[in-house]
Amino acid sequence: MIKTQLVLVCILLLSCNQLDDCLDIRNKYTGNGQYYFELDDSGIFSGNTSDEDPNPTAQVSEEEYNQYQIGDKFCRE
């Protein structure tokens, strides 16, 4: 019984790490035929240090670009 509970706790803890890769879309732009999202990584739990870019970008496909709006959550894979 204790082993089963321990396994469940481990699964829950490991699955929580997936949330770290979901960020808000701050801006959308195109350039040279490519599509980009500027992501907001300035949250209190982001873990960023002052040396890191607080607003990373993600290159996405045209389909993803059209699917998301500014303010939506975008999950990096």
N, C-alpha and C. Protein backbone atom coordinates (compact mmCIF):
# COMPACT_ATOMS: atom_id res chain seq x y z
N MET A 1 0.83 -1.19 0.00
CA MET A 1 0.00 0.00 0.00
C MET A 1 0.88 1.26 0.00
N ILE A 2 1.90 1.28 0.83
CA ILE A 2 2.79 2.44 0.90
C ILE A 2 3.54 2.62 -0.41
N LYS A 3 3.96 1.52 -1.03
CA LYS A 3 4.67 1.61 -2.31
C LYS A 3 3.77 2.21 -3.38
N THR A 4 2.50 1.84 -3.39
CA THR A 4 1.56 2.38 -4.36
C THR A 4 1.39 3.88 -4.18
N GLN A 5 1.28 4.32 -2.95
CA GLN A 5 1.15 5.75 -2.67
C GLN A 5 2.41 6.50 -3.06
N LEU A 6 3.56 5.92 -2.81
CA LEU A 6 4.83 6.55 -3.18
C LEU A 6 4.94 6.69 -4.69
N VAL A 7 4.53 5.69 -5.42
CA VAL A 7 4.56 5.74 -6.89
C VAL A 7 3.61 6.84 -7.39
N LEU A 8 2.44 6.94 -6.82
CA LEU A 8 1.49 7.98 -7.22
C LEU A 8 2.03 9.38 -6.95
N VAL A 9 2.67 9.58 -5.81
CA VAL A 9 3.26 10.88 -5.48
C VAL A 9 4.36 11.21 -6.47
N CYS A 10 5.20 10.25 -6.80
CA CYS A 10 6.28 10.48 -7.77
C CYS A 10 5.72 10.86 -9.14
N ILE A 11 4.68 10.19 -9.57
CA ILE A 11 4.07 10.50 -10.86
C ILE A 11 3.51 11.92 -10.86
N LEU A 12 2.86 12.31 -9.78
CA LEU A 12 2.31 13.67 -9.69
C LEU A 12 3.41 14.71 -9.72
N LEU A 13 4.48 14.48 -9.00
CA LEU A 13 5.58 15.44 -8.97
C LEU A 13 6.27 15.56 -10.32
N LEU A 14 6.46 14.47 -11.00
CA LEU A 14 7.10 14.51 -12.31
C LEU A 14 6.21 15.15 -13.36
N SER A 15 4.92 14.96 -13.27
CA SER A 15 4.02 15.55 -14.26
C SER A 15 3.90 17.06 -14.08
N CYS A 16 4.18 17.58 -12.90
CA CYS A 16 4.10 19.02 -12.67
C CYS A 16 5.16 19.78 -13.44
N ASN A 17 6.28 19.16 -13.75
CA ASN A 17 7.34 19.83 -14.49
C ASN A 17 6.93 20.21 -15.90
N GLN A 18 5.93 19.58 -16.45
CA GLN A 18 5.47 19.91 -17.79
C GLN A 18 4.89 21.31 -17.85
N LEU A 19 4.37 21.83 -16.75
CA LEU A 19 3.78 23.17 -16.73
C LEU A 19 4.81 24.26 -16.94
N ASP A 20 6.07 23.98 -16.64
CA ASP A 20 7.13 24.98 -16.75
C ASP A 20 7.34 25.43 -18.19
N ASP A 21 6.98 24.63 -19.17
CA ASP A 21 7.21 24.96 -20.55
C ASP A 21 6.05 25.70 -21.20
N CYS A 22 5.01 26.03 -20.45
CA CYS A 22 3.87 26.77 -20.99
C CYS A 22 3.98 28.23 -20.57
N LEU A 23 4.06 29.11 -21.56
CA LEU A 23 4.22 30.54 -21.30
C LEU A 23 3.17 31.32 -22.07
N ASP A 24 2.90 32.54 -21.61
CA ASP A 24 1.96 33.42 -22.29
C ASP A 24 2.62 34.03 -23.53
N ILE A 25 1.83 34.17 -24.59
CA ILE A 25 2.31 34.82 -25.81
C ILE A 25 2.18 36.32 -25.59
N ARG A 26 3.30 37.01 -25.60
CA ARG A 26 3.32 38.46 -25.39
C ARG A 26 3.13 39.20 -26.70
N ASN A 27 3.69 38.65 -27.79
CA ASN A 27 3.63 39.31 -29.09
C ASN A 27 3.80 38.25 -30.18
N LYS A 28 3.30 38.54 -31.36
CA LYS A 28 3.47 37.67 -32.52
C LYS A 28 4.05 38.52 -33.65
N TYR A 29 5.01 37.95 -34.39
CA TYR A 29 5.54 38.68 -35.53
C TYR A 29 6.12 37.71 -36.56
N THR A 30 6.30 38.24 -37.76
CA THR A 30 6.88 37.45 -38.85
C THR A 30 8.11 38.16 -39.35
N GLY A 31 8.99 37.40 -39.98
CA GLY A 31 10.19 37.97 -40.58
C GLY A 31 10.87 36.94 -41.46
N ASN A 32 11.23 37.35 -42.68
CA ASN A 32 11.90 36.46 -43.63
C ASN A 32 11.13 35.16 -43.86
N GLY A 33 9.81 35.26 -43.89
CA GLY A 33 8.99 34.09 -44.13
C GLY A 33 8.87 33.14 -42.95
N GLN A 34 9.34 33.55 -41.78
CA GLN A 34 9.28 32.75 -40.57
C GLN A 34 8.25 33.37 -39.61
N TYR A 35 7.75 32.57 -38.70
CA TYR A 35 6.73 33.01 -37.76
C TYR A 35 7.26 32.85 -36.33
N TYR A 36 7.03 33.87 -35.50
CA TYR A 36 7.60 33.88 -34.15
C TYR A 36 6.57 34.32 -33.11
N PHE A 37 6.72 33.75 -31.93
CA PHE A 37 6.01 34.23 -30.74
C PHE A 37 7.05 34.78 -29.78
N GLU A 38 6.76 35.95 -29.22
CA GLU A 38 7.55 36.46 -28.10
C GLU A 38 6.82 36.00 -26.85
N LEU A 39 7.50 35.25 -26.00
CA LEU A 39 6.87 34.64 -24.84
C LEU A 39 7.20 35.41 -23.58
N ASP A 40 6.24 35.49 -22.67
CA ASP A 40 6.42 36.19 -21.41
C ASP A 40 6.90 35.20 -20.36
N ASP A 41 8.18 35.29 -20.01
CA ASP A 41 8.78 34.40 -19.02
C ASP A 41 9.18 35.18 -17.78
N SER A 42 8.43 36.22 -17.46
CA SER A 42 8.79 37.08 -16.34
C SER A 42 7.99 36.77 -15.08
N GLY A 43 7.30 35.63 -15.06
CA GLY A 43 6.48 35.26 -13.91
C GLY A 43 7.31 35.01 -12.67
N ILE A 44 6.67 35.04 -11.53
CA ILE A 44 7.34 34.91 -10.25
C ILE A 44 7.98 33.53 -10.09
N PHE A 45 7.45 32.52 -10.79
CA PHE A 45 7.98 31.16 -10.67
C PHE A 45 8.81 30.76 -11.88
N SER A 46 9.24 31.73 -12.70
CA SER A 46 9.93 31.38 -13.94
C SER A 46 11.34 30.86 -13.71
N GLY A 47 11.98 31.24 -12.61
CA GLY A 47 13.32 30.77 -12.34
C GLY A 47 14.38 31.50 -13.14
N ASN A 48 14.02 32.58 -13.81
CA ASN A 48 14.98 33.33 -14.59
C ASN A 48 15.94 34.09 -13.69
N THR A 49 17.17 34.19 -14.14
CA THR A 49 18.14 35.07 -13.50
C THR A 49 18.26 36.31 -14.36
N SER A 50 18.94 37.32 -13.89
CA SER A 50 19.04 38.57 -14.63
C SER A 50 19.84 38.41 -15.92
N ASP A 51 20.64 37.35 -16.06
CA ASP A 51 21.43 37.13 -17.26
C ASP A 51 20.64 36.51 -18.40
N GLU A 52 19.48 35.95 -18.11
CA GLU A 52 18.68 35.29 -19.13
C GLU A 52 17.71 36.27 -19.77
N ASP A 53 17.31 35.97 -21.02
CA ASP A 53 16.33 36.78 -21.73
C ASP A 53 14.97 36.60 -21.07
N PRO A 54 14.38 37.69 -20.53
CA PRO A 54 13.09 37.55 -19.85
C PRO A 54 11.93 37.28 -20.81
N ASN A 55 12.13 37.54 -22.11
CA ASN A 55 11.08 37.31 -23.09
C ASN A 55 11.64 36.50 -24.25
N PRO A 56 11.77 35.19 -24.06
CA PRO A 56 12.30 34.36 -25.14
C PRO A 56 11.34 34.29 -26.32
N THR A 57 11.87 33.95 -27.47
CA THR A 57 11.03 33.79 -28.65
C THR A 57 10.98 32.32 -29.04
N ALA A 58 9.92 31.96 -29.75
CA ALA A 58 9.76 30.61 -30.26
C ALA A 58 9.40 30.71 -31.73
N GLN A 59 10.16 30.02 -32.58
CA GLN A 59 9.82 29.95 -33.99
C GLN A 59 8.76 28.87 -34.15
N VAL A 60 7.66 29.22 -34.82
CA VAL A 60 6.53 28.31 -34.97
C VAL A 60 6.14 28.20 -36.43
N SER A 61 5.30 27.22 -36.72
CA SER A 61 4.79 27.06 -38.08
C SER A 61 3.70 28.11 -38.34
N GLU A 62 3.38 28.29 -39.61
CA GLU A 62 2.30 29.23 -39.96
C GLU A 62 0.98 28.79 -39.34
N GLU A 63 0.74 27.49 -39.31
CA GLU A 63 -0.49 26.96 -38.72
C GLU A 63 -0.58 27.32 -37.23
N GLU A 64 0.52 27.12 -36.48
CA GLU A 64 0.52 27.48 -35.06
C GLU A 64 0.37 28.99 -34.88
N TYR A 65 1.03 29.75 -35.74
CA TYR A 65 0.96 31.20 -35.67
C TYR A 65 -0.49 31.68 -35.79
N ASN A 66 -1.23 31.09 -36.72
CA ASN A 66 -2.62 31.48 -36.93
C ASN A 66 -3.56 30.92 -35.88
N GLN A 67 -3.16 29.86 -35.22
CA GLN A 67 -4.01 29.20 -34.23
C GLN A 67 -4.02 29.95 -32.89
N TYR A 68 -2.95 30.62 -32.54
CA TYR A 68 -2.82 31.27 -31.24
C TYR A 68 -2.97 32.79 -31.36
N GLN A 69 -3.45 33.39 -30.28
CA GLN A 69 -3.59 34.84 -30.18
C GLN A 69 -2.69 35.36 -29.06
N ILE A 70 -2.40 36.64 -29.08
CA ILE A 70 -1.63 37.27 -27.99
C ILE A 70 -2.41 37.07 -26.70
N GLY A 71 -1.71 36.61 -25.66
CA GLY A 71 -2.32 36.35 -24.37
C GLY A 71 -2.61 34.88 -24.14
N ASP A 72 -2.63 34.07 -25.22
CA ASP A 72 -2.84 32.62 -25.07
C ASP A 72 -1.61 31.98 -24.44
N LYS A 73 -1.80 30.80 -23.88
CA LYS A 73 -0.68 29.99 -23.38
C LYS A 73 -0.12 29.19 -24.54
N PHE A 74 1.22 29.17 -24.66
CA PHE A 74 1.90 28.36 -25.67
C PHE A 74 2.85 27.43 -24.94
N CYS A 75 2.72 26.14 -25.21
CA CYS A 75 3.56 25.14 -24.53
C CYS A 75 4.67 24.68 -25.47
N ARG A 76 5.89 24.93 -25.08
CA ARG A 76 7.03 24.47 -25.85
C ARG A 76 7.20 22.98 -25.65
N GLU A 77 7.60 22.30 -26.71
CA GLU A 77 7.79 20.85 -26.63
C GLU A 77 9.24 20.50 -26.50
